[in-house]
Amino acid sequence: MVIKVLGTGCKKCKELEQNVRMAIAQLQIDAQVEKVEDIGKIMSYGVMSTPALVVNEKVVSTGKLLSVDELMGVLK
C-alpha cells in the first residue's frame, strides 16, 4: 500500500502525516508513506484544498485533517 499525504507543509498537513503513521502502526499494515509538497504534483491529483490523502493513487480525502480512528477506517 502506498499512502501519500499532499500538502505544502502547513500544520494540518504535518498532523495528517503523523496520524497516518499512527493508524498504520495500530493496524499493523505494511504501507509506504510519502509526503508530497510540490504544488504541481498536488494539482495533478485534482486537489485544490489540503491536506489531502491519496491511497494507492486514489484521492480519499481533501481539505480535512482526519483523526487516527477515521484513518483506520479508510485504510482497512
PDB file of N, CA and C in Angstrom:
ATOM      1  N   MET A   1       0.850  -1.177   0.000  1.00  0.00           N
ATOM      2  CA  MET A   1       0.000   0.000   0.000  1.00  0.00           C
ATOM      3  C   MET A   1       0.891   1.234   0.000  1.00  0.00           C
ATOM      4  N   VAL A   2       0.554   2.171  -0.855  1.00  0.00           N
ATOM      5  CA  VAL A   2       1.278   3.445  -0.905  1.00  0.00           C
ATOM      6  C   VAL A   2       0.307   4.550  -0.509  1.00  0.00           C
ATOM      7  N   ILE A   3       0.694   5.297   0.519  1.00  0.00           N
ATOM      8  CA  ILE A   3      -0.137   6.380   1.039  1.00  0.00           C
ATOM      9  C   ILE A   3       0.623   7.682   0.845  1.00  0.00           C
ATOM     10  N   LYS A   4      -0.040   8.653   0.233  1.00  0.00           N
ATOM     11  CA  LYS A   4       0.586   9.953   0.021  1.00  0.00           C
ATOM     12  C   LYS A   4      -0.201  11.019   0.769  1.00  0.00           C
ATOM     13  N   VAL A   5       0.519  11.837   1.522  1.00  0.00           N
ATOM     14  CA  VAL A   5      -0.074  12.981   2.199  1.00  0.00           C
ATOM     15  C   VAL A   5       0.300  14.197   1.359  1.00  0.00           C
ATOM     16  N   LEU A   6      -0.712  14.854   0.812  1.00  0.00           N
ATOM     17  CA  LEU A   6      -0.491  16.016  -0.041  1.00  0.00           C
ATOM     18  C   LEU A   6      -0.688  17.289   0.763  1.00  0.00           C
ATOM     19  N   GLY A   7       0.323  18.148   0.733  1.00  0.00           N
ATOM     20  CA  GLY A   7       0.215  19.410   1.442  1.00  0.00           C
ATOM     21  C   GLY A   7       1.507  20.181   1.345  1.00  0.00           C
ATOM     22  N   THR A   8       1.416  21.474   1.498  1.00  0.00           N
ATOM     23  CA  THR A   8       2.573  22.344   1.299  1.00  0.00           C
ATOM     24  C   THR A   8       3.406  22.540   2.559  1.00  0.00           C
ATOM     25  N   GLY A   9       3.101  21.825   3.613  1.00  0.00           N
ATOM     26  CA  GLY A   9       3.894  21.933   4.840  1.00  0.00           C
ATOM     27  C   GLY A   9       3.174  22.642   5.975  1.00  0.00           C
ATOM     28  N   CYS A  10       1.884  22.862   5.831  1.00  0.00           N
ATOM     29  CA  CYS A  10       1.124  23.529   6.892  1.00  0.00           C
ATOM     30  C   CYS A  10       0.980  22.602   8.108  1.00  0.00           C
ATOM     31  N   LYS A  11       0.537  23.160   9.211  1.00  0.00           N
ATOM     32  CA  LYS A  11       0.398  22.403  10.455  1.00  0.00           C
ATOM     33  C   LYS A  11      -0.531  21.196  10.281  1.00  0.00           C
ATOM     34  N   LYS A  12      -1.674  21.391   9.638  1.00  0.00           N
ATOM     35  CA  LYS A  12      -2.624  20.296   9.460  1.00  0.00           C
ATOM     36  C   LYS A  12      -2.049  19.189   8.569  1.00  0.00           C
ATOM     37  N   CYS A  13      -1.241  19.574   7.591  1.00  0.00           N
ATOM     38  CA  CYS A  13      -0.620  18.579   6.707  1.00  0.00           C
ATOM     39  C   CYS A  13       0.349  17.699   7.503  1.00  0.00           C
ATOM     40  N   LYS A  14       1.121  18.325   8.357  1.00  0.00           N
ATOM     41  CA  LYS A  14       2.070  17.585   9.188  1.00  0.00           C
ATOM     42  C   LYS A  14       1.337  16.689  10.176  1.00  0.00           C
ATOM     43  N   GLU A  15       0.246  17.189  10.743  1.00  0.00           N
ATOM     44  CA  GLU A  15      -0.550  16.382  11.679  1.00  0.00           C
ATOM     45  C   GLU A  15      -1.177  15.182  10.974  1.00  0.00           C
ATOM     46  N   LEU A  16      -1.645  15.381   9.738  1.00  0.00           N
ATOM     47  CA  LEU A  16      -2.226  14.276   8.987  1.00  0.00           C
ATOM     48  C   LEU A  16      -1.181  13.190   8.754  1.00  0.00           C
ATOM     49  N   GLU A  17       0.032  13.591   8.417  1.00  0.00           N
ATOM     50  CA  GLU A  17       1.096  12.605   8.207  1.00  0.00           C
ATOM     51  C   GLU A  17       1.355  11.815   9.490  1.00  0.00           C
ATOM     52  N   GLN A  18       1.399  12.496  10.630  1.00  0.00           N
ATOM     53  CA  GLN A  18       1.602  11.811  11.912  1.00  0.00           C
ATOM     54  C   GLN A  18       0.449  10.856  12.200  1.00  0.00           C
ATOM     55  N   ASN A  19      -0.784  11.295  11.945  1.00  0.00           N
ATOM     56  CA  ASN A  19      -1.952  10.446  12.180  1.00  0.00           C
ATOM     57  C   ASN A  19      -1.934   9.214  11.280  1.00  0.00           C
ATOM     58  N   VAL A  20      -1.498   9.387  10.032  1.00  0.00           N
ATOM     59  CA  VAL A  20      -1.395   8.259   9.098  1.00  0.00           C
ATOM     60  C   VAL A  20      -0.415   7.232   9.654  1.00  0.00           C
ATOM     61  N   ARG A  21       0.733   7.697  10.115  1.00  0.00           N
ATOM     62  CA  ARG A  21       1.746   6.781  10.648  1.00  0.00           C
ATOM     63  C   ARG A  21       1.234   6.045  11.888  1.00  0.00           C
ATOM     64  N   MET A  22       0.472   6.741  12.745  1.00  0.00           N
ATOM     65  CA  MET A  22      -0.100   6.087  13.934  1.00  0.00           C
ATOM     66  C   MET A  22      -1.142   5.045  13.534  1.00  0.00           C
ATOM     67  N   ALA A  23      -1.977   5.370  12.562  1.00  0.00           N
ATOM     68  CA  ALA A  23      -3.011   4.431  12.106  1.00  0.00           C
ATOM     69  C   ALA A  23      -2.379   3.180  11.512  1.00  0.00           C
ATOM     70  N   ILE A  24      -1.335   3.349  10.728  1.00  0.00           N
ATOM     71  CA  ILE A  24      -0.632   2.208  10.131  1.00  0.00           C
ATOM     72  C   ILE A  24      -0.055   1.317  11.221  1.00  0.00           C
ATOM     73  N   ALA A  25       0.541   1.945  12.227  1.00  0.00           N
ATOM     74  CA  ALA A  25       1.136   1.183  13.326  1.00  0.00           C
ATOM     75  C   ALA A  25       0.062   0.400  14.086  1.00  0.00           C
ATOM     76  N   GLN A  26      -1.073   1.039  14.352  1.00  0.00           N
ATOM     77  CA  GLN A  26      -2.143   0.373  15.092  1.00  0.00           C
ATOM     78  C   GLN A  26      -2.764  -0.766  14.293  1.00  0.00           C
ATOM     79  N   LEU A  27      -2.867  -0.581  12.971  1.00  0.00           N
ATOM     80  CA  LEU A  27      -3.444  -1.621  12.111  1.00  0.00           C
ATOM     81  C   LEU A  27      -2.422  -2.696  11.750  1.00  0.00           C
ATOM     82  N   GLN A  28      -1.152  -2.404  12.012  1.00  0.00           N
ATOM     83  CA  GLN A  28      -0.054  -3.317  11.686  1.00  0.00           C
ATOM     84  C   GLN A  28      -0.089  -3.724  10.210  1.00  0.00           C
ATOM     85  N   ILE A  29      -0.193  -2.701   9.356  1.00  0.00           N
ATOM     86  CA  ILE A  29      -0.191  -2.966   7.920  1.00  0.00           C
ATOM     87  C   ILE A  29       1.121  -2.482   7.315  1.00  0.00           C
ATOM     88  N   ASP A  30       1.501  -3.102   6.216  1.00  0.00           N
ATOM     89  CA  ASP A  30       2.712  -2.728   5.511  1.00  0.00           C
ATOM     90  C   ASP A  30       2.349  -1.635   4.510  1.00  0.00           C
ATOM     91  N   ALA A  31       2.827  -0.439   4.764  1.00  0.00           N
ATOM     92  CA  ALA A  31       2.494   0.684   3.892  1.00  0.00           C
ATOM     93  C   ALA A  31       3.678   1.633   3.791  1.00  0.00           C
ATOM     94  N   GLN A  32       3.786   2.240   2.636  1.00  0.00           N
ATOM     95  CA  GLN A  32       4.806   3.255   2.396  1.00  0.00           C
ATOM     96  C   GLN A  32       4.111   4.608   2.449  1.00  0.00           C
ATOM     97  N   VAL A  33       4.642   5.515   3.277  1.00  0.00           N
ATOM     98  CA  VAL A  33       4.053   6.849   3.415  1.00  0.00           C
ATOM     99  C   VAL A  33       4.968   7.857   2.732  1.00  0.00           C
ATOM    100  N   GLU A  34       4.379   8.647   1.852  1.00  0.00           N
ATOM    101  CA  GLU A  34       5.128   9.690   1.155  1.00  0.00           C
ATOM    102  C   GLU A  34       4.484  11.038   1.431  1.00  0.00           C
ATOM    103  N   LYS A  35       5.304  12.058   1.617  1.00  0.00           N
ATOM    104  CA  LYS A  35       4.823  13.426   1.790  1.00  0.00           C
ATOM    105  C   LYS A  35       5.055  14.160   0.475  1.00  0.00           C
ATOM    106  N   VAL A  36       4.013  14.675  -0.128  1.00  0.00           N
ATOM    107  CA  VAL A  36       4.113  15.389  -1.403  1.00  0.00           C
ATOM    108  C   VAL A  36       3.846  16.869  -1.138  1.00  0.00           C
ATOM    109  N   GLU A  37       4.872  17.692  -1.353  1.00  0.00           N
ATOM    110  CA  GLU A  37       4.744  19.128  -1.090  1.00  0.00           C
ATOM    111  C   GLU A  37       4.785  19.967  -2.358  1.00  0.00           C
ATOM    112  N   ASP A  38       5.134  19.362  -3.480  1.00  0.00           N
ATOM    113  CA  ASP A  38       5.215  20.088  -4.749  1.00  0.00           C
ATOM    114  C   ASP A  38       3.810  20.427  -5.242  1.00  0.00           C
ATOM    115  N   ILE A  39       3.540  21.717  -5.410  1.00  0.00           N
ATOM    116  CA  ILE A  39       2.190  22.168  -5.765  1.00  0.00           C
ATOM    117  C   ILE A  39       1.744  21.602  -7.113  1.00  0.00           C
ATOM    118  N   GLY A  40       2.661  21.438  -8.040  1.00  0.00           N
ATOM    119  CA  GLY A  40       2.316  20.860  -9.341  1.00  0.00           C
ATOM    120  C   GLY A  40       1.850  19.419  -9.214  1.00  0.00           C
ATOM    121  N   LYS A  41       2.544  18.652  -8.397  1.00  0.00           N
ATOM    122  CA  LYS A  41       2.153  17.251  -8.182  1.00  0.00           C
ATOM    123  C   LYS A  41       0.820  17.171  -7.444  1.00  0.00           C
ATOM    124  N   ILE A  42       0.626  18.061  -6.471  1.00  0.00           N
ATOM    125  CA  ILE A  42      -0.641  18.084  -5.729  1.00  0.00           C
ATOM    126  C   ILE A  42      -1.791  18.379  -6.692  1.00  0.00           C
ATOM    127  N   MET A  43      -1.613  19.362  -7.561  1.00  0.00           N
ATOM    128  CA  MET A  43      -2.668  19.733  -8.507  1.00  0.00           C
ATOM    129  C   MET A  43      -2.918  18.639  -9.540  1.00  0.00           C
ATOM    130  N   SER A  44      -1.901  17.816  -9.823  1.00  0.00           N
ATOM    131  CA  SER A  44      -2.078  16.734 -10.795  1.00  0.00           C
ATOM    132  C   SER A  44      -3.100  15.696 -10.312  1.00  0.00           C
ATOM    133  N   TYR A  45      -3.366  15.678  -9.007  1.00  0.00           N
ATOM    134  CA  TYR A  45      -4.393  14.789  -8.454  1.00  0.00           C
ATOM    135  C   TYR A  45      -5.772  15.452  -8.464  1.00  0.00           C
ATOM    136  N   GLY A  46      -5.837  16.704  -8.924  1.00  0.00           N
ATOM    137  CA  GLY A  46      -7.106  17.423  -8.938  1.00  0.00           C
ATOM    138  C   GLY A  46      -7.467  17.986  -7.576  1.00  0.00           C
ATOM    139  N   VAL A  47      -6.494  18.071  -6.695  1.00  0.00           N
ATOM    140  CA  VAL A  47      -6.718  18.545  -5.330  1.00  0.00           C
ATOM    141  C   VAL A  47      -6.546  20.053  -5.278  1.00  0.00           C
ATOM    142  N   MET A  48      -7.555  20.723  -4.738  1.00  0.00           N
ATOM    143  CA  MET A  48      -7.494  22.178  -4.617  1.00  0.00           C
ATOM    144  C   MET A  48      -7.401  22.644  -3.166  1.00  0.00           C
ATOM    145  N   SER A  49      -7.639  21.733  -2.217  1.00  0.00           N
ATOM    146  CA  SER A  49      -7.502  22.100  -0.805  1.00  0.00           C
ATOM    147  C   SER A  49      -6.743  20.998  -0.088  1.00  0.00           C
ATOM    148  N   THR A  50      -5.846  21.428   0.786  1.00  0.00           N
ATOM    149  CA  THR A  50      -5.026  20.487   1.537  1.00  0.00           C
ATOM    150  C   THR A  50      -5.328  20.624   3.026  1.00  0.00           C
ATOM    151  N   PRO A  51      -4.992  19.633   3.812  1.00  0.00           N
ATOM    152  CA  PRO A  51      -4.292  18.417   3.433  1.00  0.00           C
ATOM    153  C   PRO A  51      -5.185  17.463   2.652  1.00  0.00           C
ATOM    154  N   ALA A  52      -4.538  16.630   1.855  1.00  0.00           N
ATOM    155  CA  ALA A  52      -5.265  15.613   1.104  1.00  0.00           C
ATOM    156  C   ALA A  52      -4.564  14.279   1.300  1.00  0.00           C
ATOM    157  N   LEU A  53      -5.332  13.209   1.135  1.00  0.00           N
ATOM    158  CA  LEU A  53      -4.800  11.869   1.331  1.00  0.00           C
ATOM    159  C   LEU A  53      -5.068  11.040   0.089  1.00  0.00           C
ATOM    160  N   VAL A  54      -4.011  10.392  -0.396  1.00  0.00           N
ATOM    161  CA  VAL A  54      -4.099   9.530  -1.574  1.00  0.00           C
ATOM    162  C   VAL A  54      -3.661   8.130  -1.153  1.00  0.00           C
ATOM    163  N   VAL A  55      -4.501   7.142  -1.418  1.00  0.00           N
ATOM    164  CA  VAL A  55      -4.169   5.751  -1.102  1.00  0.00           C
ATOM    165  C   VAL A  55      -4.160   4.972  -2.409  1.00  0.00           C
ATOM    166  N   ASN A  56      -3.005   4.390  -2.712  1.00  0.00           N
ATOM    167  CA  ASN A  56      -2.841   3.628  -3.956  1.00  0.00           C
ATOM    168  C   ASN A  56      -3.332   4.424  -5.165  1.00  0.00           C
ATOM    169  N   GLU A  57      -2.907   5.692  -5.222  1.00  0.00           N
ATOM    170  CA  GLU A  57      -3.198   6.616  -6.327  1.00  0.00           C
ATOM    171  C   GLU A  57      -4.664   7.044  -6.426  1.00  0.00           C
ATOM    172  N   LYS A  58      -5.457   6.803  -5.386  1.00  0.00           N
ATOM    173  CA  LYS A  58      -6.846   7.256  -5.365  1.00  0.00           C
ATOM    174  C   LYS A  58      -7.005   8.305  -4.262  1.00  0.00           C
ATOM    175  N   VAL A  59      -7.523   9.479  -4.611  1.00  0.00           N
ATOM    176  CA  VAL A  59      -7.746  10.538  -3.623  1.00  0.00           C
ATOM    177  C   VAL A  59      -8.918  10.111  -2.734  1.00  0.00           C
ATOM    178  N   VAL A  60      -8.672  10.031  -1.419  1.00  0.00           N
ATOM    179  CA  VAL A  60      -9.728   9.596  -0.499  1.00  0.00           C
ATOM    180  C   VAL A  60     -10.193  10.711   0.443  1.00  0.00           C
ATOM    181  N   SER A  61      -9.428  11.801   0.516  1.00  0.00           N
ATOM    182  CA  SER A  61      -9.826  12.905   1.388  1.00  0.00           C
ATOM    183  C   SER A  61      -9.126  14.184   0.944  1.00  0.00           C
ATOM    184  N   THR A  62      -9.851  15.308   0.989  1.00  0.00           N
ATOM    185  CA  THR A  62      -9.238  16.611   0.701  1.00  0.00           C
ATOM    186  C   THR A  62      -9.748  17.650   1.683  1.00  0.00           C
ATOM    187  N   GLY A  63      -8.854  18.541   2.074  1.00  0.00           N
ATOM    188  CA  GLY A  63      -9.229  19.677   2.909  1.00  0.00           C
ATOM    189  C   GLY A  63      -9.646  19.338   4.321  1.00  0.00           C
ATOM    190  N   LYS A  64      -9.259  18.156   4.804  1.00  0.00           N
ATOM    191  CA  LYS A  64      -9.699  17.748   6.132  1.00  0.00           C
ATOM    192  C   LYS A  64      -8.574  17.025   6.855  1.00  0.00           C
ATOM    193  N   LEU A  65      -8.428  17.328   8.131  1.00  0.00           N
ATOM    194  CA  LEU A  65      -7.475  16.622   8.978  1.00  0.00           C
ATOM    195  C   LEU A  65      -8.197  15.422   9.578  1.00  0.00           C
ATOM    196  N   LEU A  66      -7.920  14.241   9.047  1.00  0.00           N
ATOM    197  CA  LEU A  66      -8.568  13.027   9.537  1.00  0.00           C
ATOM    198  C   LEU A  66      -7.934  12.568  10.842  1.00  0.00           C
ATOM    199  N   SER A  67      -8.767  12.087  11.756  1.00  0.00           N
ATOM    200  CA  SER A  67      -8.264  11.549  13.019  1.00  0.00           C
ATOM    201  C   SER A  67      -7.673  10.168  12.778  1.00  0.00           C
ATOM    202  N   VAL A  68      -6.965   9.649  13.770  1.00  0.00           N
ATOM    203  CA  VAL A  68      -6.395   8.306  13.668  1.00  0.00           C
ATOM    204  C   VAL A  68      -7.513   7.287  13.457  1.00  0.00           C
ATOM    205  N   ASP A  69      -8.619   7.425  14.180  1.00  0.00           N
ATOM    206  CA  ASP A  69      -9.749   6.494  14.039  1.00  0.00           C
ATOM    207  C   ASP A  69     -10.347   6.557  12.631  1.00  0.00           C
ATOM    208  N   GLU A  70     -10.515   7.758  12.105  1.00  0.00           N
ATOM    209  CA  GLU A  70     -11.047   7.905  10.736  1.00  0.00           C
ATOM    210  C   GLU A  70     -10.101   7.262   9.737  1.00  0.00           C
ATOM    211  N   LEU A  71      -8.812   7.458   9.924  1.00  0.00           N
ATOM    212  CA  LEU A  71      -7.824   6.884   9.026  1.00  0.00           C
ATOM    213  C   LEU A  71      -7.823   5.364   9.087  1.00  0.00           C
ATOM    214  N   MET A  72      -7.998   4.821  10.269  1.00  0.00           N
ATOM    215  CA  MET A  72      -8.048   3.363  10.395  1.00  0.00           C
ATOM    216  C   MET A  72      -9.211   2.801   9.591  1.00  0.00           C
ATOM    217  N   GLY A  73     -10.345   3.503   9.580  1.00  0.00           N
ATOM    218  CA  GLY A  73     -11.484   3.082   8.777  1.00  0.00           C
ATOM    219  C   GLY A  73     -11.207   3.149   7.286  1.00  0.00           C
ATOM    220  N   VAL A  74     -10.478   4.176   6.862  1.00  0.00           N
ATOM    221  CA  VAL A  74     -10.143   4.346   5.447  1.00  0.00           C
ATOM    222  C   VAL A  74      -9.135   3.306   5.000  1.00  0.00           C
ATOM    223  N   LEU A  75      -8.193   2.966   5.851  1.00  0.00           N
ATOM    224  CA  LEU A  75      -7.073   2.101   5.463  1.00  0.00           C
ATOM    225  C   LEU A  75      -7.349   0.610   5.612  1.00  0.00           C
ATOM    226  N   LYS A  76      -8.431   0.251   6.276  1.00  0.00           N
ATOM    227  CA  LYS A  76      -8.721  -1.189   6.468  1.00  0.00           C
ATOM    228  C   LYS A  76      -8.993  -1.874   5.159  1.00  0.00           C
TER     229      LYS A  76
END
